[in-house]
Structures are given as structure tokens and as C-alpha cells.
PDB file of N, CA and C in Angstrom:
ATOM      1  N   UNK A   1      -8.934  -9.451   5.536  1.00  0.00           N
ATOM      2  CA  UNK A   1      -7.628  -8.928   5.191  1.00  0.00           C
ATOM      3  C   UNK A   1      -7.831  -7.473   4.817  1.00  0.00           C
ATOM      4  N   UNK A   2      -7.093  -6.582   5.480  1.00  0.00           N
ATOM      5  CA  UNK A   2      -7.204  -5.152   5.212  1.00  0.00           C
ATOM      6  C   UNK A   2      -5.962  -4.707   4.455  1.00  0.00           C
ATOM      7  N   UNK A   3      -6.183  -4.039   3.332  1.00  0.00           N
ATOM      8  CA  UNK A   3      -5.089  -3.548   2.501  1.00  0.00           C
ATOM      9  C   UNK A   3      -5.267  -2.051   2.324  1.00  0.00           C
ATOM     10  N   UNK A   4      -4.184  -1.304   2.533  1.00  0.00           N
ATOM     11  CA  UNK A   4      -4.184   0.133   2.274  1.00  0.00           C
ATOM     12  C   UNK A   4      -3.168   0.425   1.183  1.00  0.00           C
ATOM     13  N   UNK A   5      -3.466   1.448   0.363  1.00  0.00           N
ATOM     14  CA  UNK A   5      -2.572   1.773  -0.747  1.00  0.00           C
ATOM     15  C   UNK A   5      -2.619   3.258  -1.078  1.00  0.00           C
ATOM     16  N   UNK A   6      -1.443   3.798  -1.406  1.00  0.00           N
ATOM     17  CA  UNK A   6      -1.323   5.167  -1.910  1.00  0.00           C
ATOM     18  C   UNK A   6      -0.430   5.138  -3.144  1.00  0.00           C
ATOM     19  N   UNK A   7      -0.515   6.186  -3.924  1.00  0.00           N
ATOM     20  CA  UNK A   7       0.436   6.363  -5.014  1.00  0.00           C
ATOM     21  C   UNK A   7       1.724   6.902  -4.417  1.00  0.00           C
ATOM     22  N   UNK A   8       2.862   6.464  -4.901  1.00  0.00           N
ATOM     23  CA  UNK A   8       4.144   6.938  -4.395  1.00  0.00           C
ATOM     24  C   UNK A   8       4.597   6.153  -3.180  1.00  0.00           C
ATOM     25  N   UNK A   9       5.504   6.735  -2.441  1.00  0.00           N
ATOM     26  CA  UNK A   9       6.089   6.077  -1.272  1.00  0.00           C
ATOM     27  C   UNK A   9       5.085   5.979  -0.125  1.00  0.00           C
ATOM     28  N   UNK A  10       5.120   4.858   0.576  1.00  0.00           N
ATOM     29  CA  UNK A  10       4.199   4.602   1.674  1.00  0.00           C
ATOM     30  C   UNK A  10       4.353   5.541   2.847  1.00  0.00           C
ATOM     31  N   UNK A  11       5.490   6.202   2.961  1.00  0.00           N
ATOM     32  CA  UNK A  11       5.710   7.164   4.039  1.00  0.00           C
ATOM     33  C   UNK A  11       4.606   8.218   4.065  1.00  0.00           C
ATOM     34  N   UNK A  12       4.042   8.530   2.896  1.00  0.00           N
ATOM     35  CA  UNK A  12       2.962   9.519   2.820  1.00  0.00           C
ATOM     36  C   UNK A  12       1.759   9.064   3.637  1.00  0.00           C
ATOM     37  N   UNK A  13       1.458   7.768   3.620  1.00  0.00           N
ATOM     38  CA  UNK A  13       0.342   7.225   4.405  1.00  0.00           C
ATOM     39  C   UNK A  13       0.737   7.043   5.860  1.00  0.00           C
ATOM     40  N   UNK A  14       1.938   6.518   6.103  1.00  0.00           N
ATOM     41  CA  UNK A  14       2.401   6.258   7.466  1.00  0.00           C
ATOM     42  C   UNK A  14       2.428   7.555   8.281  1.00  0.00           C
ATOM     43  N   UNK A  15       2.838   8.644   7.659  1.00  0.00           N
ATOM     44  CA  UNK A  15       2.922   9.924   8.354  1.00  0.00           C
ATOM     45  C   UNK A  15       1.565  10.591   8.516  1.00  0.00           C
ATOM     46  N   UNK A  16       0.554  10.091   7.804  1.00  0.00           N
ATOM     47  CA  UNK A  16      -0.777  10.672   7.905  1.00  0.00           C
ATOM     48  C   UNK A  16      -1.024  11.837   6.967  1.00  0.00           C
ATOM     49  N   UNK A  17      -0.064  12.142   6.112  1.00  0.00           N
ATOM     50  CA  UNK A  17      -0.211  13.267   5.188  1.00  0.00           C
ATOM     51  C   UNK A  17      -1.206  12.931   4.086  1.00  0.00           C
ATOM     52  N   UNK A  18      -1.242  11.677   3.656  1.00  0.00           N
ATOM     53  CA  UNK A  18      -2.135  11.221   2.586  1.00  0.00           C
ATOM     54  C   UNK A  18      -3.029  10.115   3.141  1.00  0.00           C
ATOM     55  N   UNK A  19      -4.311  10.193   2.825  1.00  0.00           N
ATOM     56  CA  UNK A  19      -5.246   9.138   3.220  1.00  0.00           C
ATOM     57  C   UNK A  19      -5.180   8.018   2.187  1.00  0.00           C
ATOM     58  N   UNK A  20      -4.913   6.796   2.630  1.00  0.00           N
ATOM     59  CA  UNK A  20      -4.814   5.689   1.665  1.00  0.00           C
ATOM     60  C   UNK A  20      -6.179   5.144   1.255  1.00  0.00           C
ATOM     61  N   UNK A  21      -6.212   4.484   0.098  1.00  0.00           N
ATOM     62  CA  UNK A  21      -7.363   3.658  -0.252  1.00  0.00           C
ATOM     63  C   UNK A  21      -7.419   2.529   0.768  1.00  0.00           C
ATOM     64  N   UNK A  22      -8.612   1.999   0.999  1.00  0.00           N
ATOM     65  CA  UNK A  22      -8.792   0.892   1.928  1.00  0.00           C
ATOM     66  C   UNK A  22      -9.598  -0.196   1.229  1.00  0.00           C
ATOM     67  N   UNK A  23      -9.070  -1.402   1.242  1.00  0.00           N
ATOM     68  CA  UNK A  23      -9.744  -2.556   0.657  1.00  0.00           C
ATOM     69  C   UNK A  23      -9.832  -3.635   1.729  1.00  0.00           C
ATOM     70  N   UNK A  24     -11.001  -4.256   1.867  1.00  0.00           N
ATOM     71  CA  UNK A  24     -11.188  -5.349   2.817  1.00  0.00           C
ATOM     72  C   UNK A  24     -11.553  -6.588   2.011  1.00  0.00           C
ATOM     73  N   UNK A  25     -10.740  -7.644   2.194  1.00  0.00           N
ATOM     74  CA  UNK A  25     -10.907  -8.882   1.446  1.00  0.00           C
ATOM     75  C   UNK A  25     -11.294  -9.998   2.416  1.00  0.00           C
ATOM     76  N   UNK A  26     -12.319 -10.757   2.058  1.00  0.00           N
ATOM     77  CA  UNK A  26     -12.735 -11.897   2.855  1.00  0.00           C
ATOM     78  C   UNK A  26     -11.675 -12.987   2.732  1.00  0.00           C
ATOM     79  N   UNK A  27     -11.122 -13.412   3.839  1.00  0.00           N
ATOM     80  CA  UNK A  27     -10.005 -14.362   3.823  1.00  0.00           C
ATOM     81  C   UNK A  27     -10.412 -15.748   3.349  1.00  0.00           C
ATOM     82  N   UNK A  28     -11.691 -16.085   3.384  1.00  0.00           N
ATOM     83  CA  UNK A  28     -12.155 -17.400   2.941  1.00  0.00           C
ATOM     84  C   UNK A  28     -12.516 -17.399   1.458  1.00  0.00           C
ATOM     85  N   UNK A  29     -13.366 -16.454   1.069  1.00  0.00           N
ATOM     86  CA  UNK A  29     -13.837 -16.414  -0.324  1.00  0.00           C
ATOM     87  C   UNK A  29     -12.948 -15.568  -1.229  1.00  0.00           C
ATOM     88  N   UNK A  30     -12.104 -14.745  -0.629  1.00  0.00           N
ATOM     89  CA  UNK A  30     -11.231 -13.799  -1.340  1.00  0.00           C
ATOM     90  C   UNK A  30     -12.039 -12.728  -2.081  1.00  0.00           C
ATOM     91  N   UNK A  31     -13.293 -12.555  -1.702  1.00  0.00           N
ATOM     92  CA  UNK A  31     -14.117 -11.496  -2.282  1.00  0.00           C
ATOM     93  C   UNK A  31     -13.715 -10.162  -1.668  1.00  0.00           C
ATOM     94  N   UNK A  32     -13.695  -9.124  -2.482  1.00  0.00           N
ATOM     95  CA  UNK A  32     -13.437  -7.775  -1.979  1.00  0.00           C
ATOM     96  C   UNK A  32     -14.751  -7.274  -1.392  1.00  0.00           C
ATOM     97  N   UNK A  33     -14.815  -7.183  -0.066  1.00  0.00           N
ATOM     98  CA  UNK A  33     -16.057  -6.850   0.623  1.00  0.00           C
ATOM     99  C   UNK A  33     -16.243  -5.355   0.822  1.00  0.00           C
ATOM    100  N   UNK A  34     -15.135  -4.625   0.925  1.00  0.00           N
ATOM    101  CA  UNK A  34     -15.211  -3.168   1.084  1.00  0.00           C
ATOM    102  C   UNK A  34     -14.148  -2.532   0.209  1.00  0.00           C
ATOM    103  N   UNK A  35     -14.486  -1.329  -0.255  1.00  0.00           N
ATOM    104  CA  UNK A  35     -13.562  -0.595  -1.118  1.00  0.00           C
ATOM    105  C   UNK A  35     -13.810   0.890  -0.870  1.00  0.00           C
ATOM    106  N   UNK A  36     -12.845   1.558  -0.280  1.00  0.00           N
ATOM    107  CA  UNK A  36     -12.941   2.996  -0.029  1.00  0.00           C
ATOM    108  C   UNK A  36     -11.789   3.671  -0.775  1.00  0.00           C
ATOM    109  N   UNK A  37     -12.121   4.363  -1.844  1.00  0.00           N
ATOM    110  CA  UNK A  37     -11.110   5.031  -2.668  1.00  0.00           C
ATOM    111  C   UNK A  37     -10.960   6.466  -2.167  1.00  0.00           C
ATOM    112  N   UNK A  38      -9.743   6.824  -1.808  1.00  0.00           N
ATOM    113  CA  UNK A  38      -9.454   8.153  -1.267  1.00  0.00           C
ATOM    114  C   UNK A  38      -8.930   9.085  -2.360  1.00  0.00           C
ATOM    115  N   UNK A  39      -9.332  10.327  -2.286  1.00  0.00           N
ATOM    116  CA  UNK A  39      -8.792  11.355  -3.175  1.00  0.00           C
ATOM    117  C   UNK A  39      -7.338  11.612  -2.779  1.00  0.00           C
ATOM    118  N   UNK A  40      -6.436  11.656  -3.743  1.00  0.00           N
ATOM    119  CA  UNK A  40      -5.019  11.894  -3.461  1.00  0.00           C
ATOM    120  C   UNK A  40      -4.494  12.980  -4.400  1.00  0.00           C
ATOM    121  N   UNK A  41      -4.115  14.117  -3.828  1.00  0.00           N
ATOM    122  CA  UNK A  41      -3.644  15.258  -4.619  1.00  0.00           C
ATOM    123  C   UNK A  41      -2.149  15.239  -4.882  1.00  0.00           C
ATOM    124  N   UNK A  42      -1.392  14.614  -3.978  1.00  0.00           N
ATOM    125  CA  UNK A  42       0.066  14.593  -4.155  1.00  0.00           C
ATOM    126  C   UNK A  42       0.621  13.257  -3.710  1.00  0.00           C
ATOM    127  N   UNK A  43       1.813  12.949  -4.224  1.00  0.00           N
ATOM    128  CA  UNK A  43       2.486  11.708  -3.866  1.00  0.00           C
ATOM    129  C   UNK A  43       3.947  12.007  -3.550  1.00  0.00           C
ATOM    130  N   UNK A  44       4.499  11.191  -2.684  1.00  0.00           N
ATOM    131  CA  UNK A  44       5.898  11.318  -2.303  1.00  0.00           C
ATOM    132  C   UNK A  44       6.711  10.372  -3.171  1.00  0.00           C
ATOM    133  N   UNK A  45       7.679  10.916  -3.883  1.00  0.00           N
ATOM    134  CA  UNK A  45       8.523  10.120  -4.770  1.00  0.00           C
ATOM    135  C   UNK A  45       9.987  10.232  -4.368  1.00  0.00           C
ATOM    136  N   UNK A  46      10.740   9.207  -4.668  1.00  0.00           N
ATOM    137  CA  UNK A  46      12.183   9.205  -4.421  1.00  0.00           C
ATOM    138  C   UNK A  46      12.824  10.098  -5.461  1.00  0.00           C
ATOM    139  N   UNK A  47      13.680  11.013  -5.033  1.00  0.00           N
ATOM    140  CA  UNK A  47      14.378  11.899  -5.959  1.00  0.00           C
ATOM    141  C   UNK A  47      15.363  11.137  -6.828  1.00  0.00           C
ATOM    142  N   UNK A  48      15.590  11.635  -8.020  1.00  0.00           N
ATOM    143  CA  UNK A  48      16.512  10.966  -8.939  1.00  0.00           C
ATOM    144  C   UNK A  48      17.951  11.423  -8.743  1.00  0.00           C
ATOM    145  N   UNK A  49      18.142  12.565  -8.119  1.00  0.00           N
ATOM    146  CA  UNK A  49      19.491  13.083  -7.881  1.00  0.00           C
ATOM    147  C   UNK A  49      19.835  12.969  -6.398  1.00  0.00           C
ATOM    148  N   UNK A  50      20.801  12.109  -6.046  1.00  0.00           N
ATOM    149  CA  UNK A  50      21.182  11.999  -4.626  1.00  0.00           C
ATOM    150  C   UNK A  50      21.720  13.329  -4.100  1.00  0.00           C
ATOM    151  N   UNK A  51      21.306  13.651  -2.878  1.00  0.00           N
ATOM    152  CA  UNK A  51      21.782  14.869  -2.211  1.00  0.00           C
ATOM    153  C   UNK A  51      22.317  14.464  -0.846  1.00  0.00           C
ATOM    154  N   UNK A  52      23.607  14.182  -0.753  1.00  0.00           N
ATOM    155  CA  UNK A  52      24.180  13.722   0.521  1.00  0.00           C
ATOM    156  C   UNK A  52      23.811  14.646   1.684  1.00  0.00           C
ATOM    157  N   UNK A  53      23.351  14.040   2.758  1.00  0.00           N
ATOM    158  CA  UNK A  53      23.001  14.797   3.953  1.00  0.00           C
ATOM    159  C   UNK A  53      21.647  15.466   3.893  1.00  0.00           C
ATOM    160  N   UNK A  54      20.919  15.301   2.797  1.00  0.00           N
ATOM    161  CA  UNK A  54      19.607  15.932   2.661  1.00  0.00           C
ATOM    162  C   UNK A  54      18.551  14.889   2.332  1.00  0.00           C
ATOM    163  N   UNK A  55      17.304  15.223   2.603  1.00  0.00           N
ATOM    164  CA  UNK A  55      16.187  14.365   2.236  1.00  0.00           C
ATOM    165  C   UNK A  55      16.123  14.275   0.719  1.00  0.00           C
ATOM    166  N   UNK A  56      15.987  13.062   0.207  1.00  0.00           N
ATOM    167  CA  UNK A  56      15.977  12.877  -1.239  1.00  0.00           C
ATOM    168  C   UNK A  56      14.568  12.656  -1.788  1.00  0.00           C
ATOM    169  N   UNK A  57      13.572  12.588  -0.918  1.00  0.00           N
ATOM    170  CA  UNK A  57      12.203  12.409  -1.382  1.00  0.00           C
ATOM    171  C   UNK A  57      11.590  13.758  -1.718  1.00  0.00           C
ATOM    172  N   UNK A  58      10.652  13.741  -2.663  1.00  0.00           N
ATOM    173  CA  UNK A  58      10.037  14.991  -3.086  1.00  0.00           C
ATOM    174  C   UNK A  58       8.542  14.783  -3.327  1.00  0.00           C
ATOM    175  N   UNK A  59       7.747  15.797  -3.005  1.00  0.00           N
ATOM    176  CA  UNK A  59       6.302  15.750  -3.230  1.00  0.00           C
ATOM    177  C   UNK A  59       6.015  16.193  -4.661  1.00  0.00           C
ATOM    178  N   UNK A  60       5.153  15.425  -5.325  1.00  0.00           N
ATOM    179  CA  UNK A  60       4.788  15.691  -6.708  1.00  0.00           C
ATOM    180  C   UNK A  60       3.263  15.628  -6.817  1.00  0.00           C
ATOM    181  N   UNK A  61       2.686  16.522  -7.604  1.00  0.00           N
ATOM    182  CA  UNK A  61       1.237  16.507  -7.801  1.00  0.00           C
ATOM    183  C   UNK A  61       0.810  15.232  -8.524  1.00  0.00           C
ATOM    184  N   UNK A  62      -0.300  14.664  -8.079  1.00  0.00           N
ATOM    185  CA  UNK A  62      -0.898  13.519  -8.766  1.00  0.00           C
ATOM    186  C   UNK A  62      -1.711  14.085  -9.935  1.00  0.00           C
ATOM    187  N   UNK A  63      -1.540  13.532 -11.136  1.00  0.00           N
ATOM    188  CA  UNK A  63      -2.343  14.017 -12.265  1.00  0.00           C
ATOM    189  C   UNK A  63      -3.838  13.963 -11.925  1.00  0.00           C
ATOM    190  N   UNK A  64      -4.576  14.975 -12.324  1.00  0.00           N
ATOM    191  CA  UNK A  64      -5.999  15.058 -12.011  1.00  0.00           C
ATOM    192  C   UNK A  64      -6.755  13.807 -12.444  1.00  0.00           C
ATOM    193  N   UNK A  65      -6.320  13.185 -13.527  1.00  0.00           N
ATOM    194  CA  UNK A  65      -6.999  11.979 -14.022  1.00  0.00           C
ATOM    195  C   UNK A  65      -6.837  10.785 -13.081  1.00  0.00           C
ATOM    196  N   UNK A  66      -5.850  10.830 -12.173  1.00  0.00           N
ATOM    197  CA  UNK A  66      -5.607   9.727 -11.237  1.00  0.00           C
ATOM    198  C   UNK A  66      -6.018  10.042  -9.798  1.00  0.00           C
ATOM    199  N   UNK A  67      -6.281  11.310  -9.507  1.00  0.00           N
ATOM    200  CA  UNK A  67      -6.494  11.744  -8.122  1.00  0.00           C
ATOM    201  C   UNK A  67      -7.636  11.005  -7.424  1.00  0.00           C
ATOM    202  N   UNK A  68      -8.670  10.636  -8.157  1.00  0.00           N
ATOM    203  CA  UNK A  68      -9.821   9.951  -7.554  1.00  0.00           C
ATOM    204  C   UNK A  68      -9.919   8.488  -7.970  1.00  0.00           C
ATOM    205  N   UNK A  69      -8.874   7.968  -8.571  1.00  0.00           N
ATOM    206  CA  UNK A  69      -8.925   6.591  -9.054  1.00  0.00           C
ATOM    207  C   UNK A  69      -8.458   5.602  -7.989  1.00  0.00           C
ATOM    208  N   UNK A  70      -8.899   4.358  -8.167  1.00  0.00           N
ATOM    209  CA  UNK A  70      -8.490   3.275  -7.281  1.00  0.00           C
ATOM    210  C   UNK A  70      -6.992   3.053  -7.460  1.00  0.00           C
ATOM    211  N   UNK A  71      -6.259   2.943  -6.349  1.00  0.00           N
ATOM    212  CA  UNK A  71      -4.797   2.824  -6.415  1.00  0.00           C
ATOM    213  C   UNK A  71      -4.333   1.429  -6.828  1.00  0.00           C
ATOM    214  N   UNK A  72      -5.122   0.407  -6.524  1.00  0.00           N
ATOM    215  CA  UNK A  72      -4.803  -0.967  -6.908  1.00  0.00           C
ATOM    216  C   UNK A  72      -5.955  -1.533  -7.728  1.00  0.00           C
ATOM    217  N   UNK A  73      -5.619  -2.326  -8.740  1.00  0.00           N
ATOM    218  CA  UNK A  73      -6.645  -3.030  -9.500  1.00  0.00           C
ATOM    219  C   UNK A  73      -7.145  -4.210  -8.670  1.00  0.00           C
ATOM    220  N   UNK A  74      -8.298  -4.756  -9.045  1.00  0.00           N
ATOM    221  CA  UNK A  74      -8.810  -5.921  -8.324  1.00  0.00           C
ATOM    222  C   UNK A  74      -7.823  -7.094  -8.366  1.00  0.00           C
ATOM    223  N   UNK A  75      -7.195  -7.392  -9.518  1.00  0.00           N
ATOM    224  CA  UNK A  75      -6.199  -8.475  -9.506  1.00  0.00           C
ATOM    225  C   UNK A  75      -5.019  -8.185  -8.559  1.00  0.00           C
ATOM    226  N   UNK A  76      -4.595  -6.942  -8.467  1.00  0.00           N
ATOM    227  CA  UNK A  76      -3.499  -6.602  -7.544  1.00  0.00           C
ATOM    228  C   UNK A  76      -3.942  -6.781  -6.093  1.00  0.00           C
ATOM    229  N   UNK A  77      -5.179  -6.411  -5.792  1.00  0.00           N
ATOM    230  CA  UNK A  77      -5.715  -6.605  -4.438  1.00  0.00           C
ATOM    231  C   UNK A  77      -5.703  -8.093  -4.091  1.00  0.00           C
ATOM    232  N   UNK A  78      -6.100  -8.922  -5.030  1.00  0.00           N
ATOM    233  CA  UNK A  78      -6.111 -10.368  -4.778  1.00  0.00           C
ATOM    234  C   UNK A  78      -4.693 -10.925  -4.598  1.00  0.00           C
ATOM    235  N   UNK A  79      -3.745 -10.442  -5.367  1.00  0.00           N
ATOM    236  CA  UNK A  79      -2.353 -10.884  -5.203  1.00  0.00           C
ATOM    237  C   UNK A  79      -1.861 -10.552  -3.801  1.00  0.00           C
ATOM    238  N   UNK A  80      -2.112  -9.319  -3.344  1.00  0.00           N
ATOM    239  CA  UNK A  80      -1.665  -8.927  -2.003  1.00  0.00           C
ATOM    240  C   UNK A  80      -2.374  -9.734  -0.916  1.00  0.00           C
ATOM    241  N   UNK A  81      -3.656  -9.999  -1.096  1.00  0.00           N
ATOM    242  CA  UNK A  81      -4.393 -10.790  -0.103  1.00  0.00           C
ATOM    243  C   UNK A  81      -3.822 -12.209  -0.013  1.00  0.00           C
ATOM    244  N   UNK A  82      -3.509 -12.782  -1.158  1.00  0.00           N
ATOM    245  CA  UNK A  82      -2.913 -14.122  -1.159  1.00  0.00           C
ATOM    246  C   UNK A  82      -1.532 -14.111  -0.506  1.00  0.00           C
ATOM    247  N   UNK A  83      -0.745 -13.088  -0.773  1.00  0.00           N
ATOM    248  CA  UNK A  83       0.561 -12.964  -0.109  1.00  0.00           C
ATOM    249  C   UNK A  83       0.385 -12.837   1.402  1.00  0.00           C
ATOM    250  N   UNK A  84      -0.603 -12.052   1.831  1.00  0.00           N
ATOM    251  CA  UNK A  84      -0.850 -11.875   3.260  1.00  0.00           C
ATOM    252  C   UNK A  84      -1.173 -13.205   3.921  1.00  0.00           C
ATOM    253  N   UNK A  85      -2.004 -14.017   3.272  1.00  0.00           N
ATOM    254  CA  UNK A  85      -2.342 -15.328   3.844  1.00  0.00           C
ATOM    255  C   UNK A  85      -1.128 -16.244   3.916  1.00  0.00           C
ATOM    256  N   UNK A  86      -0.291 -16.218   2.894  1.00  0.00           N
ATOM    257  CA  UNK A  86       0.923 -17.045   2.902  1.00  0.00           C
ATOM    258  C   UNK A  86       1.878 -16.614   4.018  1.00  0.00           C
ATOM    259  N   UNK A  87       2.017 -15.317   4.209  1.00  0.00           N
ATOM    260  CA  UNK A  87       2.915 -14.801   5.257  1.00  0.00           C
ATOM    261  C   UNK A  87       2.352 -15.147   6.637  1.00  0.00           C
ATOM    262  N   UNK A  88       1.037 -15.004   6.804  1.00  0.00           N
ATOM    263  CA  UNK A  88       0.405 -15.376   8.074  1.00  0.00           C
ATOM    264  C   UNK A  88       0.607 -16.864   8.362  1.00  0.00           C
ATOM    265  N   UNK A  89       0.442 -17.692   7.338  1.00  0.00           N
ATOM    266  CA  UNK A  89       0.638 -19.130   7.511  1.00  0.00           C
ATOM    267  C   UNK A  89       2.089 -19.429   7.914  1.00  0.00           C
ATOM    268  N   UNK A  90       3.026 -18.747   7.306  1.00  0.00           N
ATOM    269  CA  UNK A  90       4.441 -18.960   7.609  1.00  0.00           C
ATOM    270  C   UNK A  90       4.742 -18.636   9.072  1.00  0.00           C
ATOM    271  N   UNK A  91       4.240 -17.497   9.557  1.00  0.00           N
ATOM    272  CA  UNK A  91       4.551 -17.071  10.916  1.00  0.00           C
ATOM    273  C   UNK A  91       3.575 -17.617  11.961  1.00  0.00           C
ATOM    274  N   UNK A  92       2.421 -18.135  11.521  1.00  0.00           N
ATOM    275  CA  UNK A  92       1.472 -18.721  12.449  1.00  0.00           C
ATOM    276  C   UNK A  92       0.611 -17.726  13.190  1.00  0.00           C
ATOM    277  N   UNK A  93       0.621 -16.483  12.772  1.00  0.00           N
ATOM    278  CA  UNK A  93      -0.191 -15.450  13.419  1.00  0.00           C
ATOM    279  C   UNK A  93      -0.424 -14.319  12.419  1.00  0.00           C
ATOM    280  N   UNK A  94      -1.526 -13.587  12.563  1.00  0.00           N
ATOM    281  CA  UNK A  94      -1.774 -12.458  11.651  1.00  0.00           C
ATOM    282  C   UNK A  94      -0.610 -11.465  11.664  1.00  0.00           C
ATOM    283  N   UNK A  95      -0.308 -10.918  10.491  1.00  0.00           N
ATOM    284  CA  UNK A  95       0.844 -10.034  10.336  1.00  0.00           C
ATOM    285  C   UNK A  95       0.439  -8.661   9.805  1.00  0.00           C
ATOM    286  N   UNK A  96       1.146  -7.649  10.269  1.00  0.00           N
ATOM    287  CA  UNK A  96       1.073  -6.297   9.713  1.00  0.00           C
ATOM    288  C   UNK A  96       2.185  -6.256   8.678  1.00  0.00           C
ATOM    289  N   UNK A  97       1.822  -6.131   7.418  1.00  0.00           N
ATOM    290  CA  UNK A  97       2.787  -6.275   6.330  1.00  0.00           C
ATOM    291  C   UNK A  97       2.963  -4.961   5.594  1.00  0.00           C
ATOM    292  N   UNK A  98       4.200  -4.568   5.396  1.00  0.00           N
ATOM    293  CA  UNK A  98       4.498  -3.421   4.548  1.00  0.00           C
ATOM    294  C   UNK A  98       4.973  -3.956   3.208  1.00  0.00           C
ATOM    295  N   UNK A  99       4.476  -3.363   2.147  1.00  0.00           N
ATOM    296  CA  UNK A  99       4.772  -3.855   0.809  1.00  0.00           C
ATOM    297  C   UNK A  99       5.032  -2.679  -0.125  1.00  0.00           C
ATOM    298  N   UNK A 100       5.611  -2.999  -1.260  1.00  0.00           N
ATOM    299  CA  UNK A 100       5.844  -2.008  -2.308  1.00  0.00           C
ATOM    300  C   UNK A 100       5.604  -2.690  -3.647  1.00  0.00           C
ATOM    301  N   UNK A 101       5.265  -1.890  -4.631  1.00  0.00           N
ATOM    302  CA  UNK A 101       5.073  -2.406  -5.989  1.00  0.00           C
ATOM    303  C   UNK A 101       5.895  -1.552  -6.946  1.00  0.00           C
ATOM    304  N   UNK A 102       6.622  -2.228  -7.810  1.00  0.00           N
ATOM    305  CA  UNK A 102       7.373  -1.529  -8.847  1.00  0.00           C
ATOM    306  C   UNK A 102       7.400  -2.408 -10.087  1.00  0.00           C
ATOM    307  N   UNK A 103       7.130  -1.810 -11.217  1.00  0.00           N
ATOM    308  CA  UNK A 103       7.132  -2.535 -12.495  1.00  0.00           C
ATOM    309  C   UNK A 103       6.278  -3.800 -12.429  1.00  0.00           C
ATOM    310  N   UNK A 104       5.087  -3.666 -11.861  1.00  0.00           N
ATOM    311  CA  UNK A 104       4.098  -4.752 -11.774  1.00  0.00           C
ATOM    312  C   UNK A 104       4.549  -5.923 -10.903  1.00  0.00           C
ATOM    313  N   UNK A 105       5.557  -5.734 -10.060  1.00  0.00           N
ATOM    314  CA  UNK A 105       6.011  -6.768  -9.127  1.00  0.00           C
ATOM    315  C   UNK A 105       5.828  -6.262  -7.696  1.00  0.00           C
ATOM    316  N   UNK A 106       5.368  -7.156  -6.821  1.00  0.00           N
ATOM    317  CA  UNK A 106       5.203  -6.800  -5.411  1.00  0.00           C
ATOM    318  C   UNK A 106       6.405  -7.264  -4.605  1.00  0.00           C
ATOM    319  N   UNK A 107       6.791  -6.443  -3.646  1.00  0.00           N
ATOM    320  CA  UNK A 107       7.910  -6.735  -2.760  1.00  0.00           C
ATOM    321  C   UNK A 107       7.428  -6.584  -1.326  1.00  0.00           C
ATOM    322  N   UNK A 108       7.723  -7.562  -0.488  1.00  0.00           N
ATOM    323  CA  UNK A 108       7.400  -7.478   0.923  1.00  0.00           C
ATOM    324  C   UNK A 108       8.585  -6.798   1.598  1.00  0.00           C
ATOM    325  N   UNK A 109       8.306  -5.666   2.228  1.00  0.00           N
ATOM    326  CA  UNK A 109       9.356  -4.867   2.861  1.00  0.00           C
ATOM    327  C   UNK A 109       9.537  -5.275   4.322  1.00  0.00           C
ATOM    328  N   UNK A 110       8.408  -5.591   4.973  1.00  0.00           N
ATOM    329  CA  UNK A 110       8.481  -5.935   6.390  1.00  0.00           C
ATOM    330  C   UNK A 110       7.196  -6.655   6.795  1.00  0.00           C
ATOM    331  N   UNK A 111       7.302  -7.569   7.733  1.00  0.00           N
ATOM    332  CA  UNK A 111       6.143  -8.224   8.326  1.00  0.00           C
ATOM    333  C   UNK A 111       6.401  -8.343   9.820  1.00  0.00           C
ATOM    334  N   UNK A 112       5.384  -8.008  10.598  1.00  0.00           N
ATOM    335  CA  UNK A 112       5.499  -8.115  12.051  1.00  0.00           C
ATOM    336  C   UNK A 112       4.126  -8.503  12.594  1.00  0.00           C
ATOM    337  N   UNK A 113       4.080  -9.161  13.746  1.00  0.00           N
ATOM    338  CA  UNK A 113       2.789  -9.615  14.299  1.00  0.00           C
ATOM    339  C   UNK A 113       1.847  -8.433  14.548  1.00  0.00           C
ATOM    340  N   UNK A 114       0.571  -8.659  14.275  1.00  0.00           N
ATOM    341  CA  UNK A 114      -0.453  -7.670  14.603  1.00  0.00           C
ATOM    342  C   UNK A 114      -0.549  -7.610  16.121  1.00  0.00           C
ATOM    343  N   UNK A 115      -0.500  -6.417  16.691  1.00  0.00           N
ATOM    344  CA  UNK A 115      -0.517  -6.276  18.141  1.00  0.00           C
ATOM    345  C   UNK A 115      -1.800  -5.629  18.650  1.00  0.00           C
ATOM    346  N   UNK A 116      -2.667  -5.128  17.739  1.00  0.00           N
ATOM    347  CA  UNK A 116      -3.938  -4.553  18.136  1.00  0.00           C
ATOM    348  C   UNK A 116      -5.041  -5.141  17.276  1.00  0.00           C
ATOM    349  N   UNK A 117      -6.241  -5.137  17.788  1.00  0.00           N
ATOM    350  CA  UNK A 117      -7.383  -5.664  17.042  1.00  0.00           C
ATOM    351  C   UNK A 117      -8.163  -4.518  16.434  1.00  0.00           C
TER     352      UNK A 117
END
């Protein structure tokens, strides 16, 4: 199970502007087999003031104390891995899953079949 994570909105990783952390979890033992923590200087956040007709997201500096830190704790990695297995079981095939975390709760935003190996 491969999990990627960034601070802030995932669009930063999807667009390639920010390199995400990468965690690889063994689907049988649930052991974290690989962990690549990426340096992150900035994060994309949702603006608090709506601006009709304009982009509402804004880039904000990541505090220096967090720039080189792991984006997910080991328990959070395990929660996401377990969710991934449940979603795969539901659909009957490996899934590419988009997720979000807010206030210590995970939300599945989208799941679609993996189309590449």
C-alpha cells in the first residue's frame, strides 16, 4: 500500500509543486516498510475570505520546525492503510484513493481503479 502526504491541500502534490512524503505499508503485516520524508517549504491552504470569480487558495510558508517532519504519524499511516484495504475489498480491485484529514478525522474524497502498475 503506497501512501503519499503533504501539509495543506493535496493539489500541491497533484500539480507537482510540492513533493509528498511517501510511505509503503505491507498489506499483510501492516508494517511500514518504506518511509521517505520530503522537505516542504510551503503549503496550499483554502482562503478564509471568499473571492467570487477568483482562486481562493493561497500559498503559506511551512514553519521551519515542520518543514522536514513526517507529515503523518505511524498511527495515521496505519489508519489510511486499513481504509485502503477496506475500499479495495469493497470494489474488488486495487484503488487509487484521494483522502483528506481535518481535526484528526480522515475523509475519502475519491476512489477509482488503479490503471497502471
